[in-house]
C-alpha atoms as a PDB file:
ATOM      1  CA  UNK A   1       9.109-124.729  15.820  1.00  0.00           C
ATOM      2  CA  UNK A   2       7.998-122.040  18.262  1.00  0.00           C
ATOM      3  CA  UNK A   3       7.542-118.321  17.658  1.00  0.00           C
ATOM      4  CA  UNK A   4       8.125-117.666  21.382  1.00  0.00           C
ATOM      5  CA  UNK A   5      11.646-116.182  21.187  1.00  0.00           C
ATOM      6  CA  UNK A   6      10.705-113.939  18.234  1.00  0.00           C
ATOM      7  CA  UNK A   7       7.696-112.539  20.062  1.00  0.00           C
ATOM      8  CA  UNK A   8       9.788-112.044  23.198  1.00  0.00           C
ATOM      9  CA  UNK A   9      12.478-110.212  21.198  1.00  0.00           C
ATOM     10  CA  UNK A  10       9.849-108.041  19.577  1.00  0.00           C
ATOM     11  CA  UNK A  11       8.347-107.136  22.945  1.00  0.00           C
ATOM     12  CA  UNK A  12      11.773-106.316  24.402  1.00  0.00           C
ATOM     13  CA  UNK A  13      12.573-104.123  21.424  1.00  0.00           C
ATOM     14  CA  UNK A  14       9.210-102.365  21.732  1.00  0.00           C
ATOM     15  CA  UNK A  15       9.787-101.709  25.434  1.00  0.00           C
ATOM     16  CA  UNK A  16      13.255-100.329  24.714  1.00  0.00           C
ATOM     17  CA  UNK A  17      11.881 -97.990  22.035  1.00  0.00           C
ATOM     18  CA  UNK A  18       9.109 -96.860  24.403  1.00  0.00           C
ATOM     19  CA  UNK A  19      11.709 -96.044  27.075  1.00  0.00           C
ATOM     20  CA  UNK A  20      13.787 -94.085  24.575  1.00  0.00           C
ATOM     21  CA  UNK A  21      10.703 -92.176  23.389  1.00  0.00           C
ATOM     22  CA  UNK A  22       9.780 -91.304  26.981  1.00  0.00           C
ATOM     23  CA  UNK A  23      13.316 -90.071  27.656  1.00  0.00           C
ATOM     24  CA  UNK A  24      13.238 -87.999  24.460  1.00  0.00           C
ATOM     25  CA  UNK A  25       9.871 -86.484  25.479  1.00  0.00           C
ATOM     26  CA  UNK A  26      11.289 -85.560  28.878  1.00  0.00           C
ATOM     27  CA  UNK A  27      14.314 -83.932  27.239  1.00  0.00           C
ATOM     28  CA  UNK A  28      12.037 -81.767  25.094  1.00  0.00           C
ATOM     29  CA  UNK A  29      11.347 -79.660  28.174  1.00  0.00           C
ATOM     30  CA  UNK A  30      14.952 -78.458  28.015  1.00  0.00           C
ATOM     31  CA  UNK A  31      14.776 -77.366  24.385  1.00  0.00           C
ATOM     32  CA  UNK A  32      13.601 -73.871  23.567  1.00  0.00           C
ATOM     33  CA  UNK A  33      12.453 -72.218  20.374  1.00  0.00           C
ATOM     34  CA  UNK A  34      11.687 -68.565  19.796  1.00  0.00           C
ATOM     35  CA  UNK A  35       9.438 -66.783  17.359  1.00  0.00           C
ATOM     36  CA  UNK A  36       8.856 -63.113  16.731  1.00  0.00           C
ATOM     37  CA  UNK A  37       6.332 -61.028  14.887  1.00  0.00           C
ATOM     38  CA  UNK A  38       6.188 -57.396  13.878  1.00  0.00           C
ATOM     39  CA  UNK A  39       9.883 -57.322  13.109  1.00  0.00           C
ATOM     40  CA  UNK A  40      10.742 -58.275  16.677  1.00  0.00           C
ATOM     41  CA  UNK A  41       8.094 -56.199  18.439  1.00  0.00           C
ATOM     42  CA  UNK A  42       6.660 -59.339  20.038  1.00  0.00           C
ATOM     43  CA  UNK A  43       8.665 -62.442  20.956  1.00  0.00           C
ATOM     44  CA  UNK A  44       7.510 -65.768  22.312  1.00  0.00           C
ATOM     45  CA  UNK A  45       9.703 -68.529  23.754  1.00  0.00           C
ATOM     46  CA  UNK A  46       8.293 -72.064  23.942  1.00  0.00           C
ATOM     47  CA  UNK A  47       9.880 -75.321  25.048  1.00  0.00           C
ATOM     48  CA  UNK A  48       9.781 -78.602  23.157  1.00  0.00           C
ATOM     49  CA  UNK A  49       6.706 -79.665  25.140  1.00  0.00           C
ATOM     50  CA  UNK A  50       4.760 -76.723  23.665  1.00  0.00           C
ATOM     51  CA  UNK A  51       4.737 -74.843  26.960  1.00  0.00           C
ATOM     52  CA  UNK A  52       4.942 -71.057  26.618  1.00  0.00           C
ATOM     53  CA  UNK A  53       7.918 -69.888  28.687  1.00  0.00           C
ATOM     54  CA  UNK A  54       7.863 -66.169  28.000  1.00  0.00           C
ATOM     55  CA  UNK A  55       6.301 -63.434  25.937  1.00  0.00           C
ATOM     56  CA  UNK A  56       8.089 -60.120  25.415  1.00  0.00           C
ATOM     57  CA  UNK A  57       6.472 -56.979  24.026  1.00  0.00           C
ATOM     58  CA  UNK A  58       8.676 -54.107  22.849  1.00  0.00           C
ATOM     59  CA  UNK A  59       8.056 -51.058  25.040  1.00  0.00           C
ATOM     60  CA  UNK A  60       7.441 -48.783  22.037  1.00  0.00           C
ATOM     61  CA  UNK A  61       4.453 -50.923  21.071  1.00  0.00           C
ATOM     62  CA  UNK A  62       2.888 -50.361  24.482  1.00  0.00           C
ATOM     63  CA  UNK A  63       3.214 -46.572  24.251  1.00  0.00           C
ATOM     64  CA  UNK A  64       0.428 -46.201  21.691  1.00  0.00           C
ATOM     65  CA  UNK A  65      -3.205 -47.177  21.770  1.00  0.00           C
ATOM     66  CA  UNK A  66      -2.596 -50.307  19.696  1.00  0.00           C
ATOM     67  CA  UNK A  67      -4.451 -52.987  21.605  1.00  0.00           C
ATOM     68  CA  UNK A  68      -5.700 -54.863  18.526  1.00  0.00           C
ATOM     69  CA  UNK A  69      -2.283 -54.871  16.876  1.00  0.00           C
ATOM     70  CA  UNK A  70      -0.647 -56.141  20.075  1.00  0.00           C
ATOM     71  CA  UNK A  71      -3.221 -58.928  20.345  1.00  0.00           C
ATOM     72  CA  UNK A  72      -2.668 -59.944  16.716  1.00  0.00           C
ATOM     73  CA  UNK A  73       1.112 -59.923  17.115  1.00  0.00           C
ATOM     74  CA  UNK A  74       0.847 -61.999  20.308  1.00  0.00           C
ATOM     75  CA  UNK A  75      -1.309 -64.619  18.620  1.00  0.00           C
ATOM     76  CA  UNK A  76       1.056 -64.780  15.656  1.00  0.00           C
ATOM     77  CA  UNK A  77       4.187 -65.118  17.801  1.00  0.00           C
ATOM     78  CA  UNK A  78       2.670 -67.802  20.031  1.00  0.00           C
ATOM     79  CA  UNK A  79       1.352 -69.825  17.095  1.00  0.00           C
ATOM     80  CA  UNK A  80       4.670 -69.617  15.254  1.00  0.00           C
ATOM     81  CA  UNK A  81       6.626 -70.639  18.352  1.00  0.00           C
ATOM     82  CA  UNK A  82       4.267 -73.566  19.012  1.00  0.00           C
ATOM     83  CA  UNK A  83       4.642 -74.736  15.403  1.00  0.00           C
ATOM     84  CA  UNK A  84       8.422 -74.621  15.732  1.00  0.00           C
ATOM     85  CA  UNK A  85       8.221 -76.552  19.009  1.00  0.00           C
ATOM     86  CA  UNK A  86       6.091 -79.239  17.338  1.00  0.00           C
ATOM     87  CA  UNK A  87       8.659 -79.525  14.541  1.00  0.00           C
ATOM     88  CA  UNK A  88      11.515 -79.921  17.028  1.00  0.00           C
ATOM     89  CA  UNK A  89       9.536 -82.534  18.961  1.00  0.00           C
ATOM     90  CA  UNK A  90       8.637 -84.474  15.842  1.00  0.00           C
ATOM     91  CA  UNK A  91      12.234 -84.472  14.599  1.00  0.00           C
ATOM     92  CA  UNK A  92      13.625 -85.597  17.956  1.00  0.00           C
ATOM     93  CA  UNK A  93      11.038 -88.306  18.511  1.00  0.00           C
ATOM     94  CA  UNK A  94      11.298 -89.543  14.917  1.00  0.00           C
ATOM     95  CA  UNK A  95      15.049 -89.884  15.341  1.00  0.00           C
ATOM     96  CA  UNK A  96      14.506 -92.114  18.389  1.00  0.00           C
ATOM     97  CA  UNK A  97      11.666 -94.084  16.789  1.00  0.00           C
ATOM     98  CA  UNK A  98      13.483 -94.710  13.526  1.00  0.00           C
ATOM     99  CA  UNK A  99      11.421 -92.233  11.521  1.00  0.00           C
ATOM    100  CA  UNK A 100       7.908 -93.021  12.707  1.00  0.00           C
ATOM    101  CA  UNK A 101       6.124 -90.963  15.338  1.00  0.00           C
ATOM    102  CA  UNK A 102       2.367 -91.352  15.751  1.00  0.00           C
ATOM    103  CA  UNK A 103       0.710 -87.888  15.904  1.00  0.00           C
ATOM    104  CA  UNK A 104      -0.857 -88.661  19.294  1.00  0.00           C
ATOM    105  CA  UNK A 105       2.612 -88.987  20.822  1.00  0.00           C
ATOM    106  CA  UNK A 106       3.250 -85.294  20.131  1.00  0.00           C
ATOM    107  CA  UNK A 107       0.551 -84.225  22.540  1.00  0.00           C
ATOM    108  CA  UNK A 108      -1.225 -81.944  20.149  1.00  0.00           C
END
């Protein structure tokens, strides 16, 4: 008895899952998440590929000499948005992969 057909089926299934994962990764570019800090003074929008799309700073924050606070709020908003993007990516890819997504496939 040969294991040939079983190995072939396994390889075909693996290739199909790989294709679906690649399609899901591509689609992540269309998903957006937003995070804000300072009660909305700073906002950051990131896509599902962890690419920063925009950063918005409330005008009132720019009026004062608050450079350090602005920097801290920017870092917080970007980090929070990136974390949310990673969560979205992991959920989407896990759904395609049947619950298992190796960390290296998330790109970060």
